[in-house]
Amino acid sequence: MRDAHSKDKERVNENLLAFRKIGDLWYNRVGRFWVDERIDQSTRMTVVKFGTDAWFALVDKCPNLKDALAADKNIAIIVSEGHAVIVTEDEGLEQFSDAQLEQAGLPVR
């Protein structure tokens, strides 16, 4: 834990932190995931597999989230009002349909 409180940023082990700021947003560590602090029990979720066409569509359609999407392979991010995407390295959508994009509040094509 000492490293997590070090003033020397080069020595900070980000896996020991319970929360961190990515871009302008704060994320809490929950298990192996960084979770956007704005997510609550009413937030609808879509699971996307890291590195797939669906993940790259998120990068393209949500340029304001590029820092967060690049920060970790396991992260939960609000992408539109009331909707979050959980990015995981293990499973999830590999490609979005137009209906799934609409449901997540993301621009279609």
PDB file of N, CA and C in Angstrom:
ATOM      1  N   MET A   1       0.823  -1.193   0.000  1.00  0.00           N
ATOM      2  CA  MET A   1       0.000   0.000   0.000  1.00  0.00           C
ATOM      3  C   MET A   1       0.864   1.252   0.000  1.00  0.00           C
ATOM      4  N   ARG A   2       2.073   1.162   0.535  1.00  0.00           N
ATOM      5  CA  ARG A   2       2.947   2.328   0.580  1.00  0.00           C
ATOM      6  C   ARG A   2       3.137   2.928  -0.808  1.00  0.00           C
ATOM      7  N   ASP A   3       3.313   2.048  -1.819  1.00  0.00           N
ATOM      8  CA  ASP A   3       3.509   2.543  -3.180  1.00  0.00           C
ATOM      9  C   ASP A   3       2.304   3.313  -3.694  1.00  0.00           C
ATOM     10  N   ALA A   4       1.109   2.917  -3.284  1.00  0.00           N
ATOM     11  CA  ALA A   4      -0.097   3.604  -3.751  1.00  0.00           C
ATOM     12  C   ALA A   4      -0.157   5.030  -3.233  1.00  0.00           C
ATOM     13  N   HIS A   5       0.531   5.337  -2.144  1.00  0.00           N
ATOM     14  CA  HIS A   5       0.514   6.678  -1.586  1.00  0.00           C
ATOM     15  C   HIS A   5       1.777   7.465  -1.919  1.00  0.00           C
ATOM     16  N   SER A   6       2.666   6.879  -2.680  1.00  0.00           N
ATOM     17  CA  SER A   6       3.929   7.518  -3.015  1.00  0.00           C
ATOM     18  C   SER A   6       3.705   8.769  -3.859  1.00  0.00           C
ATOM     19  N   LYS A   7       4.508   9.786  -3.630  1.00  0.00           N
ATOM     20  CA  LYS A   7       4.447  10.994  -4.443  1.00  0.00           C
ATOM     21  C   LYS A   7       5.117  10.763  -5.792  1.00  0.00           C
ATOM     22  N   ASP A   8       5.892   9.717  -5.893  1.00  0.00           N
ATOM     23  CA  ASP A   8       6.592   9.367  -7.114  1.00  0.00           C
ATOM     24  C   ASP A   8       5.656   8.554  -8.002  1.00  0.00           C
ATOM     25  N   LYS A   9       5.037   9.197  -9.007  1.00  0.00           N
ATOM     26  CA  LYS A   9       4.042   8.536  -9.839  1.00  0.00           C
ATOM     27  C   LYS A   9       4.583   7.317 -10.571  1.00  0.00           C
ATOM     28  N   GLU A  10       5.872   7.296 -10.844  1.00  0.00           N
ATOM     29  CA  GLU A  10       6.471   6.156 -11.524  1.00  0.00           C
ATOM     30  C   GLU A  10       6.382   4.894 -10.680  1.00  0.00           C
ATOM     31  N   ARG A  11       6.280   5.024  -9.376  1.00  0.00           N
ATOM     32  CA  ARG A  11       6.273   3.866  -8.485  1.00  0.00           C
ATOM     33  C   ARG A  11       4.871   3.415  -8.106  1.00  0.00           C
ATOM     34  N   VAL A  12       3.842   4.139  -8.502  1.00  0.00           N
ATOM     35  CA  VAL A  12       2.475   3.794  -8.114  1.00  0.00           C
ATOM     36  C   VAL A  12       2.022   2.554  -8.875  1.00  0.00           C
ATOM     37  N   ASN A  13       1.573   1.555  -8.139  1.00  0.00           N
ATOM     38  CA  ASN A  13       0.997   0.370  -8.732  1.00  0.00           C
ATOM     39  C   ASN A  13      -0.517   0.597  -8.794  1.00  0.00           C
ATOM     40  N   GLU A  14      -1.020   0.875  -9.987  1.00  0.00           N
ATOM     41  CA  GLU A  14      -2.433   1.242 -10.151  1.00  0.00           C
ATOM     42  C   GLU A  14      -3.377   0.111  -9.731  1.00  0.00           C
ATOM     43  N   ASN A  15      -2.902  -1.127  -9.700  1.00  0.00           N
ATOM     44  CA  ASN A  15      -3.745  -2.246  -9.280  1.00  0.00           C
ATOM     45  C   ASN A  15      -4.023  -2.225  -7.784  1.00  0.00           C
ATOM     46  N   LEU A  16      -3.242  -1.471  -7.013  1.00  0.00           N
ATOM     47  CA  LEU A  16      -3.462  -1.382  -5.571  1.00  0.00           C
ATOM     48  C   LEU A  16      -4.455  -0.285  -5.201  1.00  0.00           C
ATOM     49  N   LEU A  17      -4.724   0.606  -6.119  1.00  0.00           N
ATOM     50  CA  LEU A  17      -5.609   1.728  -5.831  1.00  0.00           C
ATOM     51  C   LEU A  17      -7.060   1.284  -5.754  1.00  0.00           C
ATOM     52  N   ALA A  18      -7.822   1.907  -4.880  1.00  0.00           N
ATOM     53  CA  ALA A  18      -9.251   1.620  -4.761  1.00  0.00           C
ATOM     54  C   ALA A  18     -10.064   2.528  -5.671  1.00  0.00           C
ATOM     55  N   PHE A  19      -9.481   3.627  -6.107  1.00  0.00           N
ATOM     56  CA  PHE A  19     -10.142   4.539  -7.035  1.00  0.00           C
ATOM     57  C   PHE A  19      -9.071   5.292  -7.804  1.00  0.00           C
ATOM     58  N   ARG A  20      -9.460   5.793  -8.976  1.00  0.00           N
ATOM     59  CA  ARG A  20      -8.527   6.581  -9.778  1.00  0.00           C
ATOM     60  C   ARG A  20      -9.288   7.457 -10.744  1.00  0.00           C
ATOM     61  N   LYS A  21      -8.639   8.512 -11.174  1.00  0.00           N
ATOM     62  CA  LYS A  21      -9.219   9.425 -12.149  1.00  0.00           C
ATOM     63  C   LYS A  21      -8.648   9.085 -13.516  1.00  0.00           C
ATOM     64  N   ILE A  22      -9.555   8.898 -14.483  1.00  0.00           N
ATOM     65  CA  ILE A  22      -9.157   8.654 -15.865  1.00  0.00           C
ATOM     66  C   ILE A  22      -9.850   9.731 -16.685  1.00  0.00           C
ATOM     67  N   GLY A  23      -9.058  10.565 -17.332  1.00  0.00           N
ATOM     68  CA  GLY A  23      -9.643  11.711 -18.023  1.00  0.00           C
ATOM     69  C   GLY A  23     -10.268  12.628 -16.990  1.00  0.00           C
ATOM     70  N   ASP A  24     -11.526  12.967 -17.180  1.00  0.00           N
ATOM     71  CA  ASP A  24     -12.234  13.852 -16.238  1.00  0.00           C
ATOM     72  C   ASP A  24     -13.116  13.079 -15.259  1.00  0.00           C
ATOM     73  N   LEU A  25     -13.105  11.751 -15.330  1.00  0.00           N
ATOM     74  CA  LEU A  25     -14.033  10.947 -14.540  1.00  0.00           C
ATOM     75  C   LEU A  25     -13.309  10.090 -13.504  1.00  0.00           C
ATOM     76  N   TRP A  26     -14.032   9.775 -12.419  1.00  0.00           N
ATOM     77  CA  TRP A  26     -13.499   8.930 -11.348  1.00  0.00           C
ATOM     78  C   TRP A  26     -14.040   7.524 -11.490  1.00  0.00           C
ATOM     79  N   TYR A  27     -13.168   6.548 -11.226  1.00  0.00           N
ATOM     80  CA  TYR A  27     -13.494   5.136 -11.311  1.00  0.00           C
ATOM     81  C   TYR A  27     -13.114   4.453 -10.008  1.00  0.00           C
ATOM     82  N   ASN A  28     -13.957   3.507  -9.577  1.00  0.00           N
ATOM     83  CA  ASN A  28     -13.705   2.726  -8.364  1.00  0.00           C
ATOM     84  C   ASN A  28     -13.306   1.307  -8.762  1.00  0.00           C
ATOM     85  N   ARG A  29     -12.368   0.725  -8.046  1.00  0.00           N
ATOM     86  CA  ARG A  29     -11.958  -0.651  -8.296  1.00  0.00           C
ATOM     87  C   ARG A  29     -12.972  -1.577  -7.642  1.00  0.00           C
ATOM     88  N   VAL A  30     -13.580  -2.436  -8.439  1.00  0.00           N
ATOM     89  CA  VAL A  30     -14.504  -3.453  -7.947  1.00  0.00           C
ATOM     90  C   VAL A  30     -14.027  -4.769  -8.549  1.00  0.00           C
ATOM     91  N   GLY A  31     -13.366  -5.585  -7.729  1.00  0.00           N
ATOM     92  CA  GLY A  31     -12.749  -6.803  -8.248  1.00  0.00           C
ATOM     93  C   GLY A  31     -11.681  -6.426  -9.259  1.00  0.00           C
ATOM     94  N   ARG A  32     -11.770  -6.979 -10.452  1.00  0.00           N
ATOM     95  CA  ARG A  32     -10.780  -6.653 -11.487  1.00  0.00           C
ATOM     96  C   ARG A  32     -11.216  -5.488 -12.382  1.00  0.00           C
ATOM     97  N   PHE A  33     -12.394  -4.917 -12.118  1.00  0.00           N
ATOM     98  CA  PHE A  33     -12.945  -3.867 -12.973  1.00  0.00           C
ATOM     99  C   PHE A  33     -12.748  -2.467 -12.391  1.00  0.00           C
ATOM    100  N   TRP A  34     -12.508  -1.500 -13.272  1.00  0.00           N
ATOM    101  CA  TRP A  34     -12.626  -0.089 -12.932  1.00  0.00           C
ATOM    102  C   TRP A  34     -14.047   0.306 -13.306  1.00  0.00           C
ATOM    103  N   VAL A  35     -14.796   0.839 -12.340  1.00  0.00           N
ATOM    104  CA  VAL A  35     -16.218   1.119 -12.531  1.00  0.00           C
ATOM    105  C   VAL A  35     -16.466   2.620 -12.401  1.00  0.00           C
ATOM    106  N   ASP A  36     -17.042   3.197 -13.441  1.00  0.00           N
ATOM    107  CA  ASP A  36     -17.416   4.607 -13.460  1.00  0.00           C
ATOM    108  C   ASP A  36     -18.277   4.889 -12.223  1.00  0.00           C
ATOM    109  N   GLU A  37     -17.893   5.897 -11.446  1.00  0.00           N
ATOM    110  CA  GLU A  37     -18.605   6.173 -10.194  1.00  0.00           C
ATOM    111  C   GLU A  37     -20.053   6.600 -10.404  1.00  0.00           C
ATOM    112  N   ARG A  38     -20.440   6.956 -11.611  1.00  0.00           N
ATOM    113  CA  ARG A  38     -21.822   7.387 -11.884  1.00  0.00           C
ATOM    114  C   ARG A  38     -22.776   6.218 -12.081  1.00  0.00           C
ATOM    115  N   ILE A  39     -22.250   5.012 -12.206  1.00  0.00           N
ATOM    116  CA  ILE A  39     -23.095   3.832 -12.407  1.00  0.00           C
ATOM    117  C   ILE A  39     -23.822   3.496 -11.104  1.00  0.00           C
ATOM    118  N   ASP A  40     -25.123   3.236 -11.233  1.00  0.00           N
ATOM    119  CA  ASP A  40     -25.901   2.814 -10.059  1.00  0.00           C
ATOM    120  C   ASP A  40     -26.811   1.654 -10.457  1.00  0.00           C
ATOM    121  N   GLN A  41     -27.657   1.220  -9.548  1.00  0.00           N
ATOM    122  CA  GLN A  41     -28.485   0.033  -9.787  1.00  0.00           C
ATOM    123  C   GLN A  41     -29.498   0.227 -10.910  1.00  0.00           C
ATOM    124  N   SER A  42     -29.793   1.449 -11.307  1.00  0.00           N
ATOM    125  CA  SER A  42     -30.750   1.675 -12.391  1.00  0.00           C
ATOM    126  C   SER A  42     -30.075   1.751 -13.769  1.00  0.00           C
ATOM    127  N   THR A  43     -28.771   1.734 -13.809  1.00  0.00           N
ATOM    128  CA  THR A  43     -28.041   1.834 -15.072  1.00  0.00           C
ATOM    129  C   THR A  43     -28.183   0.541 -15.876  1.00  0.00           C
ATOM    130  N   ARG A  44     -28.579   0.682 -17.139  1.00  0.00           N
ATOM    131  CA  ARG A  44     -28.648  -0.471 -18.036  1.00  0.00           C
ATOM    132  C   ARG A  44     -27.227  -0.770 -18.538  1.00  0.00           C
ATOM    133  N   MET A  45     -26.936  -2.045 -18.770  1.00  0.00           N
ATOM    134  CA  MET A  45     -25.575  -2.469 -19.125  1.00  0.00           C
ATOM    135  C   MET A  45     -25.546  -3.265 -20.424  1.00  0.00           C
ATOM    136  N   THR A  46     -24.468  -3.079 -21.157  1.00  0.00           N
ATOM    137  CA  THR A  46     -24.143  -3.898 -22.314  1.00  0.00           C
ATOM    138  C   THR A  46     -22.710  -4.370 -22.117  1.00  0.00           C
ATOM    139  N   VAL A  47     -22.456  -5.652 -22.326  1.00  0.00           N
ATOM    140  CA  VAL A  47     -21.111  -6.202 -22.152  1.00  0.00           C
ATOM    141  C   VAL A  47     -20.448  -6.333 -23.523  1.00  0.00           C
ATOM    142  N   VAL A  48     -19.239  -5.784 -23.623  1.00  0.00           N
ATOM    143  CA  VAL A  48     -18.479  -5.788 -24.875  1.00  0.00           C
ATOM    144  C   VAL A  48     -17.122  -6.427 -24.628  1.00  0.00           C
ATOM    145  N   LYS A  49     -16.695  -7.279 -25.545  1.00  0.00           N
ATOM    146  CA  LYS A  49     -15.392  -7.926 -25.413  1.00  0.00           C
ATOM    147  C   LYS A  49     -14.288  -6.980 -25.896  1.00  0.00           C
ATOM    148  N   PHE A  50     -13.246  -6.845 -25.084  1.00  0.00           N
ATOM    149  CA  PHE A  50     -12.114  -5.970 -25.380  1.00  0.00           C
ATOM    150  C   PHE A  50     -11.449  -6.378 -26.697  1.00  0.00           C
ATOM    151  N   GLY A  51     -11.103  -5.361 -27.509  1.00  0.00           N
ATOM    152  CA  GLY A  51     -10.337  -5.575 -28.730  1.00  0.00           C
ATOM    153  C   GLY A  51     -11.129  -6.044 -29.933  1.00  0.00           C
ATOM    154  N   THR A  52     -12.442  -6.185 -29.800  1.00  0.00           N
ATOM    155  CA  THR A  52     -13.287  -6.660 -30.901  1.00  0.00           C
ATOM    156  C   THR A  52     -13.795  -5.478 -31.723  1.00  0.00           C
ATOM    157  N   ASP A  53     -14.539  -5.780 -32.793  1.00  0.00           N
ATOM    158  CA  ASP A  53     -15.144  -4.722 -33.608  1.00  0.00           C
ATOM    159  C   ASP A  53     -16.061  -3.843 -32.769  1.00  0.00           C
ATOM    160  N   ALA A  54     -16.773  -4.443 -31.811  1.00  0.00           N
ATOM    161  CA  ALA A  54     -17.660  -3.664 -30.935  1.00  0.00           C
ATOM    162  C   ALA A  54     -16.844  -2.691 -30.083  1.00  0.00           C
ATOM    163  N   TRP A  55     -15.700  -3.128 -29.567  1.00  0.00           N
ATOM    164  CA  TRP A  55     -14.833  -2.251 -28.760  1.00  0.00           C
ATOM    165  C   TRP A  55     -14.319  -1.091 -29.611  1.00  0.00           C
ATOM    166  N   PHE A  56     -13.871  -1.385 -30.832  1.00  0.00           N
ATOM    167  CA  PHE A  56     -13.385  -0.322 -31.708  1.00  0.00           C
ATOM    168  C   PHE A  56     -14.509   0.631 -32.118  1.00  0.00           C
ATOM    169  N   ALA A  57     -15.737   0.116 -32.228  1.00  0.00           N
ATOM    170  CA  ALA A  57     -16.887   0.998 -32.506  1.00  0.00           C
ATOM    171  C   ALA A  57     -17.086   1.975 -31.348  1.00  0.00           C
ATOM    172  N   LEU A  58     -16.915   1.501 -30.108  1.00  0.00           N
ATOM    173  CA  LEU A  58     -17.004   2.402 -28.947  1.00  0.00           C
ATOM    174  C   LEU A  58     -15.941   3.492 -29.015  1.00  0.00           C
ATOM    175  N   VAL A  59     -14.714   3.095 -29.335  1.00  0.00           N
ATOM    176  CA  VAL A  59     -13.618   4.063 -29.447  1.00  0.00           C
ATOM    177  C   VAL A  59     -13.972   5.114 -30.489  1.00  0.00           C
ATOM    178  N   ASP A  60     -14.540   4.672 -31.611  1.00  0.00           N
ATOM    179  CA  ASP A  60     -14.893   5.575 -32.705  1.00  0.00           C
ATOM    180  C   ASP A  60     -16.083   6.474 -32.360  1.00  0.00           C
ATOM    181  N   LYS A  61     -17.098   5.900 -31.735  1.00  0.00           N
ATOM    182  CA  LYS A  61     -18.338   6.647 -31.466  1.00  0.00           C
ATOM    183  C   LYS A  61     -18.304   7.469 -30.180  1.00  0.00           C
ATOM    184  N   CYS A  62     -17.346   7.194 -29.311  1.00  0.00           N
ATOM    185  CA  CYS A  62     -17.233   7.895 -28.028  1.00  0.00           C
ATOM    186  C   CYS A  62     -15.811   8.436 -27.845  1.00  0.00           C
ATOM    187  N   PRO A  63     -15.406   9.405 -28.651  1.00  0.00           N
ATOM    188  CA  PRO A  63     -14.026   9.899 -28.551  1.00  0.00           C
ATOM    189  C   PRO A  63     -13.687  10.464 -27.169  1.00  0.00           C
ATOM    190  N   ASN A  64     -14.692  10.916 -26.431  1.00  0.00           N
ATOM    191  CA  ASN A  64     -14.460  11.441 -25.084  1.00  0.00           C
ATOM    192  C   ASN A  64     -14.100  10.340 -24.083  1.00  0.00           C
ATOM    193  N   LEU A  65     -14.287   9.075 -24.463  1.00  0.00           N
ATOM    194  CA  LEU A  65     -13.987   7.957 -23.574  1.00  0.00           C
ATOM    195  C   LEU A  65     -12.726   7.196 -23.969  1.00  0.00           C
ATOM    196  N   LYS A  66     -11.963   7.714 -24.937  1.00  0.00           N
ATOM    197  CA  LYS A  66     -10.766   7.003 -25.412  1.00  0.00           C
ATOM    198  C   LYS A  66      -9.777   6.729 -24.285  1.00  0.00           C
ATOM    199  N   ASP A  67      -9.569   7.697 -23.392  1.00  0.00           N
ATOM    200  CA  ASP A  67      -8.634   7.487 -22.281  1.00  0.00           C
ATOM    201  C   ASP A  67      -9.085   6.320 -21.400  1.00  0.00           C
ATOM    202  N   ALA A  68     -10.369   6.293 -21.082  1.00  0.00           N
ATOM    203  CA  ALA A  68     -10.889   5.227 -20.220  1.00  0.00           C
ATOM    204  C   ALA A  68     -10.836   3.875 -20.933  1.00  0.00           C
ATOM    205  N   LEU A  69     -11.205   3.854 -22.206  1.00  0.00           N
ATOM    206  CA  LEU A  69     -11.191   2.593 -22.943  1.00  0.00           C
ATOM    207  C   LEU A  69      -9.776   2.050 -23.114  1.00  0.00           C
ATOM    208  N   ALA A  70      -8.803   2.945 -23.137  1.00  0.00           N
ATOM    209  CA  ALA A  70      -7.406   2.524 -23.268  1.00  0.00           C
ATOM    210  C   ALA A  70      -6.776   2.185 -21.919  1.00  0.00           C
ATOM    211  N   ALA A  71      -7.419   2.558 -20.826  1.00  0.00           N
ATOM    212  CA  ALA A  71      -6.828   2.413 -19.488  1.00  0.00           C
ATOM    213  C   ALA A  71      -6.770   0.974 -18.998  1.00  0.00           C
ATOM    214  N   ASP A  72      -7.740   0.152 -19.400  1.00  0.00           N
ATOM    215  CA  ASP A  72      -7.784  -1.212 -18.873  1.00  0.00           C
ATOM    216  C   ASP A  72      -8.664  -2.077 -19.768  1.00  0.00           C
ATOM    217  N   LYS A  73      -8.426  -3.370 -19.748  1.00  0.00           N
ATOM    218  CA  LYS A  73      -9.235  -4.323 -20.512  1.00  0.00           C
ATOM    219  C   LYS A  73     -10.523  -4.688 -19.799  1.00  0.00           C
ATOM    220  N   ASN A  74     -10.666  -4.247 -18.544  1.00  0.00           N
ATOM    221  CA  ASN A  74     -11.842  -4.549 -17.734  1.00  0.00           C
ATOM    222  C   ASN A  74     -12.314  -3.258 -17.080  1.00  0.00           C
ATOM    223  N   ILE A  75     -13.329  -2.641 -17.700  1.00  0.00           N
ATOM    224  CA  ILE A  75     -13.783  -1.337 -17.220  1.00  0.00           C
ATOM    225  C   ILE A  75     -15.271  -1.178 -17.525  1.00  0.00           C
ATOM    226  N   ALA A  76     -15.983  -0.492 -16.662  1.00  0.00           N
ATOM    227  CA  ALA A  76     -17.405  -0.201 -16.853  1.00  0.00           C
ATOM    228  C   ALA A  76     -17.559   1.314 -16.965  1.00  0.00           C
ATOM    229  N   ILE A  77     -18.169   1.766 -18.068  1.00  0.00           N
ATOM    230  CA  ILE A  77     -18.209   3.192 -18.396  1.00  0.00           C
ATOM    231  C   ILE A  77     -19.615   3.602 -18.803  1.00  0.00           C
ATOM    232  N   ILE A  78     -20.076   4.736 -18.297  1.00  0.00           N
ATOM    233  CA  ILE A  78     -21.326   5.327 -18.782  1.00  0.00           C
ATOM    234  C   ILE A  78     -21.074   5.841 -20.198  1.00  0.00           C
ATOM    235  N   VAL A  79     -21.916   5.388 -21.155  1.00  0.00           N
ATOM    236  CA  VAL A  79     -21.748   5.836 -22.539  1.00  0.00           C
ATOM    237  C   VAL A  79     -22.865   6.772 -22.988  1.00  0.00           C
ATOM    238  N   SER A  80     -23.989   6.729 -22.297  1.00  0.00           N
ATOM    239  CA  SER A  80     -25.100   7.631 -22.588  1.00  0.00           C
ATOM    240  C   SER A  80     -25.984   7.689 -21.346  1.00  0.00           C
ATOM    241  N   GLU A  81     -26.945   8.566 -21.355  1.00  0.00           N
ATOM    242  CA  GLU A  81     -27.826   8.728 -20.205  1.00  0.00           C
ATOM    243  C   GLU A  81     -28.462   7.401 -19.804  1.00  0.00           C
ATOM    244  N   GLY A  82     -28.114   6.904 -18.610  1.00  0.00           N
ATOM    245  CA  GLY A  82     -28.707   5.681 -18.077  1.00  0.00           C
ATOM    246  C   GLY A  82     -28.176   4.383 -18.655  1.00  0.00           C
ATOM    247  N   HIS A  83     -27.107   4.449 -19.464  1.00  0.00           N
ATOM    248  CA  HIS A  83     -26.588   3.226 -20.073  1.00  0.00           C
ATOM    249  C   HIS A  83     -25.070   3.174 -19.963  1.00  0.00           C
ATOM    250  N   ALA A  84     -24.570   1.998 -19.569  1.00  0.00           N
ATOM    251  CA  ALA A  84     -23.125   1.782 -19.442  1.00  0.00           C
ATOM    252  C   ALA A  84     -22.698   0.602 -20.294  1.00  0.00           C
ATOM    253  N   VAL A  85     -21.427   0.617 -20.629  1.00  0.00           N
ATOM    254  CA  VAL A  85     -20.827  -0.523 -21.299  1.00  0.00           C
ATOM    255  C   VAL A  85     -19.792  -1.114 -20.354  1.00  0.00           C
ATOM    256  N   ILE A  86     -19.853  -2.422 -20.176  1.00  0.00           N
ATOM    257  CA  ILE A  86     -18.838  -3.139 -19.413  1.00  0.00           C
ATOM    258  C   ILE A  86     -17.909  -3.775 -20.440  1.00  0.00           C
ATOM    259  N   VAL A  87     -16.663  -3.367 -20.429  1.00  0.00           N
ATOM    260  CA  VAL A  87     -15.661  -3.965 -21.310  1.00  0.00           C
ATOM    261  C   VAL A  87     -14.940  -5.030 -20.502  1.00  0.00           C
ATOM    262  N   THR A  88     -14.848  -6.220 -21.066  1.00  0.00           N
ATOM    263  CA  THR A  88     -14.167  -7.316 -20.394  1.00  0.00           C
ATOM    264  C   THR A  88     -13.304  -8.069 -21.398  1.00  0.00           C
ATOM    265  N   GLU A  89     -12.208  -8.595 -20.920  1.00  0.00           N
ATOM    266  CA  GLU A  89     -11.313  -9.322 -21.812  1.00  0.00           C
ATOM    267  C   GLU A  89     -11.781 -10.745 -22.077  1.00  0.00           C
ATOM    268  N   ASP A  90     -12.798 -11.223 -21.366  1.00  0.00           N
ATOM    269  CA  ASP A  90     -13.220 -12.620 -21.447  1.00  0.00           C
ATOM    270  C   ASP A  90     -14.408 -12.905 -22.358  1.00  0.00           C
ATOM    271  N   GLU A  91     -15.382 -12.013 -22.365  1.00  0.00           N
ATOM    272  CA  GLU A  91     -16.621 -12.306 -23.072  1.00  0.00           C
ATOM    273  C   GLU A  91     -17.346 -11.021 -23.426  1.00  0.00           C
ATOM    274  N   GLY A  92     -18.434 -11.145 -24.174  1.00  0.00           N
ATOM    275  CA  GLY A  92     -19.253  -9.985 -24.516  1.00  0.00           C
ATOM    276  C   GLY A  92     -19.486  -9.878 -26.010  1.00  0.00           C
ATOM    277  N   LEU A  93     -20.203  -8.843 -26.388  1.00  0.00           N
ATOM    278  CA  LEU A  93     -20.477  -8.593 -27.800  1.00  0.00           C
ATOM    279  C   LEU A  93     -19.169  -8.410 -28.556  1.00  0.00           C
ATOM    280  N   GLU A  94     -19.131  -8.968 -29.739  1.00  0.00           N
ATOM    281  CA  GLU A  94     -17.964  -8.763 -30.588  1.00  0.00           C
ATOM    282  C   GLU A  94     -18.276  -7.809 -31.719  1.00  0.00           C
ATOM    283  N   GLN A  95     -19.571  -7.576 -31.952  1.00  0.00           N
ATOM    284  CA  GLN A  95     -20.004  -6.624 -32.964  1.00  0.00           C
ATOM    285  C   GLN A  95     -21.378  -6.089 -32.563  1.00  0.00           C
ATOM    286  N   PHE A  96     -21.578  -4.776 -32.755  1.00  0.00           N
ATOM    287  CA  PHE A  96     -22.863  -4.155 -32.448  1.00  0.00           C
ATOM    288  C   PHE A  96     -23.795  -4.266 -33.646  1.00  0.00           C
ATOM    289  N   SER A  97     -25.062  -4.578 -33.379  1.00  0.00           N
ATOM    290  CA  SER A  97     -26.095  -4.409 -34.405  1.00  0.00           C
ATOM    291  C   SER A  97     -26.590  -2.968 -34.278  1.00  0.00           C
ATOM    292  N   ASP A  98     -27.308  -2.491 -35.286  1.00  0.00           N
ATOM    293  CA  ASP A  98     -27.870  -1.138 -35.210  1.00  0.00           C
ATOM    294  C   ASP A  98     -28.801  -1.008 -34.005  1.00  0.00           C
ATOM    295  N   ALA A  99     -29.579  -2.055 -33.730  1.00  0.00           N
ATOM    296  CA  ALA A  99     -30.511  -2.027 -32.595  1.00  0.00           C
ATOM    297  C   ALA A  99     -29.758  -1.922 -31.271  1.00  0.00           C
ATOM    298  N   GLN A 100     -28.641  -2.621 -31.145  1.00  0.00           N
ATOM    299  CA  GLN A 100     -27.844  -2.552 -29.913  1.00  0.00           C
ATOM    300  C   GLN A 100     -27.203  -1.175 -29.746  1.00  0.00           C
ATOM    301  N   LEU A 101     -26.756  -0.575 -30.840  1.00  0.00           N
ATOM    302  CA  LEU A 101     -26.222   0.786 -30.776  1.00  0.00           C
ATOM    303  C   LEU A 101     -27.292   1.760 -30.293  1.00  0.00           C
ATOM    304  N   GLU A 102     -28.480   1.652 -30.889  1.00  0.00           N
ATOM    305  CA  GLU A 102     -29.603   2.523 -30.492  1.00  0.00           C
ATOM    306  C   GLU A 102     -29.963   2.328 -29.033  1.00  0.00           C
ATOM    307  N   GLN A 103     -30.032   1.080 -28.595  1.00  0.00           N
ATOM    308  CA  GLN A 103     -30.389   0.764 -27.219  1.00  0.00           C
ATOM    309  C   GLN A 103     -29.375   1.378 -26.236  1.00  0.00           C
ATOM    310  N   ALA A 104     -28.106   1.416 -26.616  1.00  0.00           N
ATOM    311  CA  ALA A 104     -27.066   1.973 -25.757  1.00  0.00           C
ATOM    312  C   ALA A 104     -26.978   3.495 -25.867  1.00  0.00           C
ATOM    313  N   GLY A 105     -27.801   4.085 -26.742  1.00  0.00           N
ATOM    314  CA  GLY A 105     -27.769   5.544 -26.910  1.00  0.00           C
ATOM    315  C   GLY A 105     -26.577   6.018 -27.718  1.00  0.00           C
ATOM    316  N   LEU A 106     -26.018   5.126 -28.536  1.00  0.00           N
ATOM    317  CA  LEU A 106     -24.868   5.466 -29.382  1.00  0.00           C
ATOM    318  C   LEU A 106     -25.327   5.741 -30.798  1.00  0.00           C
ATOM    319  N   PRO A 107     -24.595   6.600 -31.518  1.00  0.00           N
ATOM    320  CA  PRO A 107     -24.980   6.887 -32.912  1.00  0.00           C
ATOM    321  C   PRO A 107     -24.922   5.626 -33.769  1.00  0.00           C
ATOM    322  N   VAL A 108     -25.930   5.474 -34.628  1.00  0.00           N
ATOM    323  CA  VAL A 108     -25.960   4.343 -35.560  1.00  0.00           C
ATOM    324  C   VAL A 108     -25.270   4.790 -36.839  1.00  0.00           C
ATOM    325  N   ARG A 109     -24.295   4.049 -37.221  1.00  0.00           N
ATOM    326  CA  ARG A 109     -23.485   4.280 -38.430  1.00  0.00           C
ATOM    327  C   ARG A 109     -23.132   5.696 -38.599  1.00  0.00           C
TER     328      ARG A 109
END
